[in-house]
Amino acid sequence: MQNKYYALIYCIEFLTIEGRHSNWQSCFSSLGLPEKPILDCYNNGTGAKVAPNTFELSDFPILTFLL
């Protein structure tokens, strides 16, 4: 299941690079993932609270536009 979430991130990033970010829902349907849990996390503020801690645990630089 975890690989599907990496694929979701990749899919959304790819659409953004192509200027087709408004088609983000197609990534969920093509991977067979439910939108609700991720949208709930985003909409209730949990994602914004968790993101900085996640970046601190990784070797990647913090991308401020994601916060």
N, C-alpha and C. Protein backbone atom coordinates (compact mmCIF):
# COMPACT_ATOMS: atom_id res chain seq x y z
N MET A 1 0.82 -1.19 0.00
CA MET A 1 0.00 0.00 0.00
C MET A 1 0.86 1.26 0.00
N GLN A 2 1.98 1.24 0.72
CA GLN A 2 2.83 2.42 0.80
C GLN A 2 3.32 2.85 -0.58
N ASN A 3 3.63 1.92 -1.45
CA ASN A 3 4.08 2.26 -2.79
C ASN A 3 3.03 3.03 -3.57
N LYS A 4 1.75 2.75 -3.30
CA LYS A 4 0.69 3.48 -3.98
C LYS A 4 0.70 4.95 -3.58
N TYR A 5 1.04 5.24 -2.32
CA TYR A 5 1.08 6.62 -1.88
C TYR A 5 2.27 7.36 -2.49
N TYR A 6 3.39 6.68 -2.66
CA TYR A 6 4.51 7.29 -3.39
C TYR A 6 4.11 7.55 -4.84
N ALA A 7 3.39 6.62 -5.42
CA ALA A 7 2.92 6.79 -6.79
C ALA A 7 1.94 7.95 -6.88
N LEU A 8 1.13 8.14 -5.84
CA LEU A 8 0.19 9.26 -5.81
C LEU A 8 0.95 10.59 -5.81
N ILE A 9 1.96 10.68 -4.98
CA ILE A 9 2.78 11.90 -4.93
C ILE A 9 3.42 12.16 -6.29
N TYR A 10 3.99 11.12 -6.87
CA TYR A 10 4.62 11.26 -8.18
C TYR A 10 3.61 11.72 -9.23
N CYS A 11 2.43 11.12 -9.21
CA CYS A 11 1.40 11.45 -10.19
C CYS A 11 0.99 12.92 -10.07
N ILE A 12 0.77 13.38 -8.85
CA ILE A 12 0.35 14.77 -8.65
C ILE A 12 1.48 15.72 -9.03
N GLU A 13 2.72 15.39 -8.68
CA GLU A 13 3.86 16.22 -9.09
C GLU A 13 3.97 16.29 -10.61
N PHE A 14 3.81 15.16 -11.26
CA PHE A 14 3.91 15.11 -12.72
C PHE A 14 2.83 15.98 -13.37
N LEU A 15 1.60 15.89 -12.86
CA LEU A 15 0.53 16.73 -13.40
C LEU A 15 0.85 18.21 -13.19
N THR A 16 1.41 18.54 -12.05
CA THR A 16 1.76 19.93 -11.75
C THR A 16 2.82 20.44 -12.72
N ILE A 17 3.84 19.63 -12.95
CA ILE A 17 4.90 20.02 -13.88
C ILE A 17 4.33 20.26 -15.28
N GLU A 18 3.36 19.44 -15.66
CA GLU A 18 2.73 19.58 -16.98
C GLU A 18 1.67 20.68 -17.02
N GLY A 19 1.41 21.33 -15.88
CA GLY A 19 0.39 22.36 -15.84
C GLY A 19 -1.03 21.82 -15.82
N ARG A 20 -1.16 20.55 -15.44
CA ARG A 20 -2.48 19.91 -15.41
C ARG A 20 -2.89 19.56 -13.98
N HIS A 21 -2.46 20.37 -13.01
CA HIS A 21 -2.71 20.07 -11.61
C HIS A 21 -4.20 20.00 -11.27
N SER A 22 -5.03 20.62 -12.06
CA SER A 22 -6.48 20.57 -11.79
C SER A 22 -7.05 19.16 -12.02
N ASN A 23 -6.27 18.28 -12.62
CA ASN A 23 -6.70 16.90 -12.86
C ASN A 23 -6.23 15.95 -11.75
N TRP A 24 -5.90 16.49 -10.56
CA TRP A 24 -5.33 15.69 -9.48
C TRP A 24 -6.19 14.50 -9.09
N GLN A 25 -7.50 14.59 -9.23
CA GLN A 25 -8.37 13.48 -8.85
C GLN A 25 -8.14 12.24 -9.71
N SER A 26 -7.64 12.44 -10.91
CA SER A 26 -7.37 11.29 -11.78
C SER A 26 -6.29 10.40 -11.18
N CYS A 27 -5.40 10.97 -10.39
CA CYS A 27 -4.34 10.18 -9.75
C CYS A 27 -4.93 9.18 -8.76
N PHE A 28 -5.92 9.63 -7.99
CA PHE A 28 -6.57 8.74 -7.04
C PHE A 28 -7.28 7.60 -7.77
N SER A 29 -8.03 7.94 -8.79
CA SER A 29 -8.80 6.90 -9.49
C SER A 29 -7.88 5.93 -10.23
N SER A 30 -6.82 6.42 -10.83
CA SER A 30 -5.93 5.51 -11.57
C SER A 30 -5.18 4.56 -10.65
N LEU A 31 -4.96 4.97 -9.39
CA LEU A 31 -4.25 4.12 -8.44
C LEU A 31 -5.19 3.33 -7.52
N GLY A 32 -6.49 3.58 -7.66
CA GLY A 32 -7.46 2.88 -6.82
C GLY A 32 -7.40 3.31 -5.36
N LEU A 33 -7.05 4.56 -5.10
CA LEU A 33 -6.97 5.07 -3.73
C LEU A 33 -8.18 5.94 -3.41
N PRO A 34 -8.66 5.87 -2.18
CA PRO A 34 -9.77 6.74 -1.79
C PRO A 34 -9.25 8.17 -1.54
N GLU A 35 -10.01 9.16 -1.94
CA GLU A 35 -9.62 10.55 -1.74
C GLU A 35 -9.86 11.01 -0.30
N LYS A 36 -10.93 10.51 0.31
CA LYS A 36 -11.39 11.05 1.58
C LYS A 36 -10.33 11.12 2.68
N PRO A 37 -9.56 10.08 2.98
CA PRO A 37 -8.60 10.19 4.08
C PRO A 37 -7.55 11.29 3.86
N ILE A 38 -7.11 11.43 2.64
CA ILE A 38 -6.09 12.44 2.35
C ILE A 38 -6.70 13.83 2.36
N LEU A 39 -7.87 13.98 1.80
CA LEU A 39 -8.54 15.28 1.83
C LEU A 39 -8.91 15.68 3.25
N ASP A 40 -9.33 14.73 4.07
CA ASP A 40 -9.63 15.02 5.48
C ASP A 40 -8.37 15.52 6.19
N CYS A 41 -7.25 14.87 5.97
CA CYS A 41 -5.98 15.27 6.58
C CYS A 41 -5.61 16.69 6.16
N TYR A 42 -5.79 17.00 4.90
CA TYR A 42 -5.49 18.33 4.38
C TYR A 42 -6.46 19.37 4.93
N ASN A 43 -7.74 19.07 4.89
CA ASN A 43 -8.77 20.03 5.27
C ASN A 43 -8.85 20.31 6.77
N ASN A 44 -8.50 19.33 7.61
CA ASN A 44 -8.60 19.55 9.05
C ASN A 44 -7.31 20.10 9.67
N GLY A 45 -6.30 20.34 8.85
CA GLY A 45 -5.06 20.95 9.33
C GLY A 45 -4.01 19.98 9.80
N THR A 46 -4.33 18.69 9.88
CA THR A 46 -3.36 17.71 10.34
C THR A 46 -2.14 17.66 9.43
N GLY A 47 -2.36 17.73 8.13
CA GLY A 47 -1.25 17.68 7.18
C GLY A 47 -0.25 18.80 7.40
N ALA A 48 -0.74 20.01 7.68
CA ALA A 48 0.14 21.15 7.91
C ALA A 48 0.94 20.98 9.20
N LYS A 49 0.36 20.29 10.19
CA LYS A 49 1.06 20.06 11.45
C LYS A 49 2.13 18.97 11.30
N VAL A 50 1.84 17.96 10.50
CA VAL A 50 2.74 16.81 10.35
C VAL A 50 3.87 17.09 9.36
N ALA A 51 3.62 17.87 8.33
CA ALA A 51 4.61 18.08 7.27
C ALA A 51 5.97 18.56 7.76
N PRO A 52 6.06 19.58 8.61
CA PRO A 52 7.40 20.02 9.04
C PRO A 52 8.19 18.93 9.74
N ASN A 53 7.52 18.11 10.56
CA ASN A 53 8.21 17.00 11.23
C ASN A 53 8.68 15.96 10.25
N THR A 54 7.91 15.72 9.22
CA THR A 54 8.28 14.74 8.20
C THR A 54 9.52 15.19 7.46
N PHE A 55 9.58 16.46 7.12
CA PHE A 55 10.75 16.98 6.42
C PHE A 55 12.00 16.91 7.29
N GLU A 56 11.85 17.13 8.59
CA GLU A 56 12.99 17.06 9.49
C GLU A 56 13.57 15.65 9.54
N LEU A 57 12.73 14.64 9.34
CA LEU A 57 13.18 13.26 9.38
C LEU A 57 13.79 12.79 8.07
N SER A 58 13.65 13.58 7.02
CA SER A 58 14.16 13.17 5.72
C SER A 58 15.46 13.89 5.41
N ASP A 59 16.10 13.48 4.34
CA ASP A 59 17.32 14.13 3.88
C ASP A 59 17.03 15.22 2.85
N PHE A 60 15.76 15.47 2.59
CA PHE A 60 15.38 16.43 1.57
C PHE A 60 15.22 17.82 2.17
N PRO A 61 15.53 18.85 1.40
CA PRO A 61 15.34 20.21 1.91
C PRO A 61 13.86 20.51 2.08
N ILE A 62 13.54 21.37 3.01
CA ILE A 62 12.15 21.78 3.22
C ILE A 62 11.71 22.66 2.08
N LEU A 63 10.63 22.28 1.45
CA LEU A 63 10.06 23.07 0.36
C LEU A 63 8.96 23.93 0.95
N THR A 64 9.26 25.19 1.15
CA THR A 64 8.34 26.06 1.88
C THR A 64 6.99 26.20 1.21
N PHE A 65 6.92 26.00 -0.10
CA PHE A 65 5.64 26.12 -0.77
C PHE A 65 4.69 24.99 -0.41
N LEU A 66 5.20 23.93 0.20
CA LEU A 66 4.35 22.82 0.61
C LEU A 66 3.76 23.03 1.99
N LEU A 67 4.30 23.96 2.75
CA LEU A 67 3.84 24.16 4.13
C LEU A 67 2.67 25.08 4.21
